[in-house]
Amino acid sequence: MTETEINSSETLLTVLKNVSQNATKAGLDSLLVDMVSETIDKVNSYRFAEQLGMVGGANRTDAQVNKRENYRVATEQEGLVIRDGNKTRILILDMSPQGFGIESPVRIPSHKQVMLELHSSEGGNDLFSCQVAACQKKEKVFRVGLKVMDMLPRF
């Protein structure tokens, strides 16, 4: 086994994915493989929060933030977050194929499952099942990163 210098979250993620694949190929107990997968999810959540400027490197330029596989698009669109049966009006600040960056008037705990409802340009509303990747207080609002888990049929 070779040693890899880990000097970024991206390198760490690559190493963890390799560990997961090798552990699966070697037939290790699925519980161990699941632990590695959970760690991969946590590193992805951290990287998502980092890209939203919520942890580390908050002074990076847009070009540096968007050096990633799926580019984030800035927007200003209203929507609703539905959690525990309550609807909260939010502002969507950016979006990518993986998720949304939003501003919320209330704190939404990390790892919480929520629904995001927004008006579609094609008419009707889109409904996304999301997990809160990060939530940080910014002045009078909360900056929240939502990871899309599933998109439900338009209604």
C-alpha atoms as a PDB file:
ATOM      1  CA  MET A   1       0.000   0.000   0.000  1.00  0.00           C
ATOM      2  CA  THR A   2       1.377   3.414  -0.935  1.00  0.00           C
ATOM      3  CA  GLU A   3       1.179   6.493   1.237  1.00  0.00           C
ATOM      4  CA  THR A   4      -0.659   9.519  -0.166  1.00  0.00           C
ATOM      5  CA  GLU A   5       0.007  13.038   1.045  1.00  0.00           C
ATOM      6  CA  ILE A   6      -3.340  14.500   2.075  1.00  0.00           C
ATOM      7  CA  ASN A   7      -3.234  18.270   1.750  1.00  0.00           C
ATOM      8  CA  SER A   8      -6.841  19.124   0.871  1.00  0.00           C
ATOM      9  CA  SER A   9     -10.384  17.956   1.470  1.00  0.00           C
ATOM     10  CA  GLU A  10     -10.499  16.876  -2.178  1.00  0.00           C
ATOM     11  CA  THR A  11      -7.477  14.581  -1.725  1.00  0.00           C
ATOM     12  CA  LEU A  12      -8.984  13.218   1.496  1.00  0.00           C
ATOM     13  CA  LEU A  13     -12.221  12.462  -0.339  1.00  0.00           C
ATOM     14  CA  THR A  14     -10.362  10.631  -3.120  1.00  0.00           C
ATOM     15  CA  VAL A  15      -8.434   8.530  -0.598  1.00  0.00           C
ATOM     16  CA  LEU A  16     -11.623   7.665   1.315  1.00  0.00           C
ATOM     17  CA  LYS A  17     -13.388   6.611  -1.893  1.00  0.00           C
ATOM     18  CA  ASN A  18     -10.428   4.357  -2.745  1.00  0.00           C
ATOM     19  CA  VAL A  19     -10.506   2.866   0.755  1.00  0.00           C
ATOM     20  CA  SER A  20     -14.232   2.184   0.407  1.00  0.00           C
ATOM     21  CA  GLN A  21     -13.796   0.503  -2.987  1.00  0.00           C
ATOM     22  CA  ASN A  22     -10.841  -1.592  -1.786  1.00  0.00           C
ATOM     23  CA  ALA A  23     -12.656  -2.628   1.405  1.00  0.00           C
ATOM     24  CA  THR A  24     -15.677  -3.715  -0.645  1.00  0.00           C
ATOM     25  CA  LYS A  25     -13.485  -5.670  -3.093  1.00  0.00           C
ATOM     26  CA  ALA A  26     -11.688  -7.346  -0.176  1.00  0.00           C
ATOM     27  CA  GLY A  27     -15.020  -8.477   1.249  1.00  0.00           C
ATOM     28  CA  LEU A  28     -14.691  -6.643   4.562  1.00  0.00           C
ATOM     29  CA  ASP A  29     -17.717  -6.511   6.845  1.00  0.00           C
ATOM     30  CA  SER A  30     -20.366  -4.164   5.415  1.00  0.00           C
ATOM     31  CA  LEU A  31     -20.495  -2.330   8.759  1.00  0.00           C
ATOM     32  CA  LEU A  32     -16.895  -1.193   8.220  1.00  0.00           C
ATOM     33  CA  VAL A  33     -17.607  -0.159   4.629  1.00  0.00           C
ATOM     34  CA  ASP A  34     -20.669   1.769   5.846  1.00  0.00           C
ATOM     35  CA  MET A  35     -18.483   3.640   8.353  1.00  0.00           C
ATOM     36  CA  VAL A  36     -16.190   4.752   5.556  1.00  0.00           C
ATOM     37  CA  SER A  37     -19.235   5.772   3.470  1.00  0.00           C
ATOM     38  CA  GLU A  38     -20.554   7.864   6.367  1.00  0.00           C
ATOM     39  CA  THR A  39     -17.180   9.579   6.628  1.00  0.00           C
ATOM     40  CA  ILE A  40     -17.279  10.269   2.879  1.00  0.00           C
ATOM     41  CA  ASP A  41     -20.716  11.876   3.350  1.00  0.00           C
ATOM     42  CA  LYS A  42     -19.377  14.040   6.178  1.00  0.00           C
ATOM     43  CA  VAL A  43     -16.398  15.172   4.091  1.00  0.00           C
ATOM     44  CA  ASN A  44     -18.797  15.988   1.219  1.00  0.00           C
ATOM     45  CA  SER A  45     -20.953  18.022   3.638  1.00  0.00           C
ATOM     46  CA  TYR A  46     -17.881  19.856   4.861  1.00  0.00           C
ATOM     47  CA  ARG A  47     -16.755  20.560   1.295  1.00  0.00           C
ATOM     48  CA  PHE A  48     -20.268  21.821   0.419  1.00  0.00           C
ATOM     49  CA  ALA A  49     -20.229  24.144   3.438  1.00  0.00           C
ATOM     50  CA  GLU A  50     -16.707  25.247   2.503  1.00  0.00           C
ATOM     51  CA  GLN A  51     -17.847  26.051  -1.046  1.00  0.00           C
ATOM     52  CA  LEU A  52     -20.701  28.127   0.381  1.00  0.00           C
ATOM     53  CA  GLY A  53     -18.132  30.095   2.379  1.00  0.00           C
ATOM     54  CA  MET A  54     -19.418  28.685   5.676  1.00  0.00           C
ATOM     55  CA  VAL A  55     -16.141  27.125   6.818  1.00  0.00           C
ATOM     56  CA  GLY A  56     -12.517  27.883   6.000  1.00  0.00           C
ATOM     57  CA  GLY A  57     -11.500  29.873   2.925  1.00  0.00           C
ATOM     58  CA  ALA A  58     -14.369  32.384   3.177  1.00  0.00           C
ATOM     59  CA  ASN A  59     -12.287  34.999   1.348  1.00  0.00           C
ATOM     60  CA  ARG A  60     -11.992  33.017  -1.879  1.00  0.00           C
ATOM     61  CA  THR A  61     -13.129  34.500  -5.162  1.00  0.00           C
ATOM     62  CA  ASP A  62     -16.109  33.118  -7.094  1.00  0.00           C
ATOM     63  CA  ALA A  63     -13.723  31.586  -9.630  1.00  0.00           C
ATOM     64  CA  GLN A  64     -11.921  29.700  -6.854  1.00  0.00           C
ATOM     65  CA  VAL A  65     -15.179  28.557  -5.245  1.00  0.00           C
ATOM     66  CA  ASN A  66     -16.532  27.288  -8.552  1.00  0.00           C
ATOM     67  CA  LYS A  67     -13.509  25.148  -9.486  1.00  0.00           C
ATOM     68  CA  ARG A  68     -15.603  22.024  -9.228  1.00  0.00           C
ATOM     69  CA  GLU A  69     -17.242  19.414 -11.364  1.00  0.00           C
ATOM     70  CA  ASN A  70     -20.744  20.911 -11.248  1.00  0.00           C
ATOM     71  CA  TYR A  71     -20.833  24.691 -11.368  1.00  0.00           C
ATOM     72  CA  ARG A  72     -23.011  26.635  -8.936  1.00  0.00           C
ATOM     73  CA  VAL A  73     -25.335  29.289 -10.389  1.00  0.00           C
ATOM     74  CA  ALA A  74     -26.200  32.447  -8.452  1.00  0.00           C
ATOM     75  CA  THR A  75     -29.889  33.317  -8.281  1.00  0.00           C
ATOM     76  CA  GLU A  76     -32.418  35.152  -6.147  1.00  0.00           C
ATOM     77  CA  GLN A  77     -35.600  33.152  -6.020  1.00  0.00           C
ATOM     78  CA  GLU A  78     -38.138  32.740  -3.256  1.00  0.00           C
ATOM     79  CA  GLY A  79     -39.179  29.318  -2.074  1.00  0.00           C
ATOM     80  CA  LEU A  80     -40.497  27.420   0.911  1.00  0.00           C
ATOM     81  CA  VAL A  81     -38.754  25.013   3.251  1.00  0.00           C
ATOM     82  CA  ILE A  82     -41.111  22.485   4.793  1.00  0.00           C
ATOM     83  CA  ARG A  83     -39.939  20.792   7.990  1.00  0.00           C
ATOM     84  CA  ASP A  84     -41.890  19.143  10.742  1.00  0.00           C
ATOM     85  CA  GLY A  85     -45.105  20.206   8.957  1.00  0.00           C
ATOM     86  CA  ASN A  86     -44.204  23.923   9.095  1.00  0.00           C
ATOM     87  CA  LYS A  87     -43.506  26.095   6.039  1.00  0.00           C
ATOM     88  CA  THR A  88     -40.834  28.811   6.135  1.00  0.00           C
ATOM     89  CA  ARG A  89     -40.373  31.344   3.341  1.00  0.00           C
ATOM     90  CA  ILE A  90     -36.717  31.355   2.212  1.00  0.00           C
ATOM     91  CA  LEU A  91     -34.526  32.975  -0.432  1.00  0.00           C
ATOM     92  CA  ILE A  92     -32.502  30.739  -2.754  1.00  0.00           C
ATOM     93  CA  LEU A  93     -29.097  32.338  -3.369  1.00  0.00           C
ATOM     94  CA  ASP A  94     -27.432  29.708  -5.524  1.00  0.00           C
ATOM     95  CA  MET A  95     -27.992  26.260  -6.924  1.00  0.00           C
ATOM     96  CA  SER A  96     -26.100  23.391  -8.469  1.00  0.00           C
ATOM     97  CA  PRO A  97     -27.037  19.848  -9.481  1.00  0.00           C
ATOM     98  CA  GLN A  98     -26.123  18.741  -5.943  1.00  0.00           C
ATOM     99  CA  GLY A  99     -28.067  21.308  -3.954  1.00  0.00           C
ATOM    100  CA  PHE A 100     -29.058  24.815  -2.989  1.00  0.00           C
ATOM    101  CA  GLY A 101     -27.621  27.648  -0.951  1.00  0.00           C
ATOM    102  CA  ILE A 102     -30.439  29.473   0.838  1.00  0.00           C
ATOM    103  CA  GLU A 103     -31.102  32.224   3.364  1.00  0.00           C
ATOM    104  CA  SER A 104     -33.579  31.345   6.084  1.00  0.00           C
ATOM    105  CA  PRO A 105     -35.032  33.530   8.847  1.00  0.00           C
ATOM    106  CA  VAL A 106     -34.858  30.522  11.201  1.00  0.00           C
ATOM    107  CA  ARG A 107     -32.129  28.022  12.065  1.00  0.00           C
ATOM    108  CA  ILE A 108     -32.454  24.637  10.365  1.00  0.00           C
ATOM    109  CA  PRO A 109     -30.299  22.039  12.149  1.00  0.00           C
ATOM    110  CA  SER A 110     -27.606  20.223  10.164  1.00  0.00           C
ATOM    111  CA  HIS A 111     -28.511  16.731   8.952  1.00  0.00           C
ATOM    112  CA  LYS A 112     -32.238  17.589   9.212  1.00  0.00           C
ATOM    113  CA  GLN A 113     -34.423  16.240   6.380  1.00  0.00           C
ATOM    114  CA  VAL A 114     -36.543  18.981   4.768  1.00  0.00           C
ATOM    115  CA  MET A 115     -38.582  19.582   1.629  1.00  0.00           C
ATOM    116  CA  LEU A 116     -37.811  22.553  -0.618  1.00  0.00           C
ATOM    117  CA  GLU A 117     -40.678  23.886  -2.712  1.00  0.00           C
ATOM    118  CA  LEU A 118     -40.034  26.385  -5.486  1.00  0.00           C
ATOM    119  CA  HIS A 119     -41.951  27.723  -8.438  1.00  0.00           C
ATOM    120  CA  SER A 120     -40.911  26.149 -11.734  1.00  0.00           C
ATOM    121  CA  SER A 121     -40.250  28.219 -14.848  1.00  0.00           C
ATOM    122  CA  GLU A 122     -42.356  25.587 -16.646  1.00  0.00           C
ATOM    123  CA  GLY A 123     -45.350  26.270 -14.415  1.00  0.00           C
ATOM    124  CA  GLY A 124     -46.358  24.569 -11.216  1.00  0.00           C
ATOM    125  CA  ASN A 125     -43.999  23.904  -8.336  1.00  0.00           C
ATOM    126  CA  ASP A 126     -40.962  21.668  -7.947  1.00  0.00           C
ATOM    127  CA  LEU A 127     -40.493  19.772  -4.709  1.00  0.00           C
ATOM    128  CA  PHE A 128     -37.057  18.574  -3.585  1.00  0.00           C
ATOM    129  CA  SER A 129     -36.253  16.250  -0.721  1.00  0.00           C
ATOM    130  CA  CYS A 130     -33.099  17.671   0.890  1.00  0.00           C
ATOM    131  CA  GLN A 131     -30.728  17.161   3.771  1.00  0.00           C
ATOM    132  CA  VAL A 132     -29.292  20.183   5.564  1.00  0.00           C
ATOM    133  CA  ALA A 133     -25.554  20.053   4.918  1.00  0.00           C
ATOM    134  CA  ALA A 134     -24.695  23.176   6.915  1.00  0.00           C
ATOM    135  CA  CYS A 135     -26.363  26.065   8.724  1.00  0.00           C
ATOM    136  CA  GLN A 136     -24.560  29.185   9.889  1.00  0.00           C
ATOM    137  CA  LYS A 137     -25.840  32.473  11.314  1.00  0.00           C
ATOM    138  CA  LYS A 138     -25.035  35.447   9.063  1.00  0.00           C
ATOM    139  CA  GLU A 139     -26.157  38.742  10.580  1.00  0.00           C
ATOM    140  CA  LYS A 140     -29.981  38.501  10.898  1.00  0.00           C
ATOM    141  CA  VAL A 141     -30.481  35.331   8.818  1.00  0.00           C
ATOM    142  CA  PHE A 142     -29.099  31.827   8.519  1.00  0.00           C
ATOM    143  CA  ARG A 143     -27.066  30.694   5.505  1.00  0.00           C
ATOM    144  CA  VAL A 144     -28.075  27.101   4.825  1.00  0.00           C
ATOM    145  CA  GLY A 145     -26.658  24.526   2.430  1.00  0.00           C
ATOM    146  CA  LEU A 146     -29.195  21.954   1.221  1.00  0.00           C
ATOM    147  CA  LYS A 147     -28.068  18.710  -0.406  1.00  0.00           C
ATOM    148  CA  VAL A 148     -30.665  17.357  -2.833  1.00  0.00           C
ATOM    149  CA  MET A 149     -31.590  13.769  -2.035  1.00  0.00           C
ATOM    150  CA  ASP A 150     -34.507  13.413  -4.476  1.00  0.00           C
ATOM    151  CA  MET A 151     -36.771  15.488  -6.716  1.00  0.00           C
ATOM    152  CA  LEU A 152     -40.467  14.711  -6.483  1.00  0.00           C
ATOM    153  CA  PRO A 153     -42.936  14.990  -9.375  1.00  0.00           C
ATOM    154  CA  ARG A 154     -44.050  18.503 -10.282  1.00  0.00           C
ATOM    155  CA  PHE A 155     -47.367  19.612  -8.820  1.00  0.00           C
END
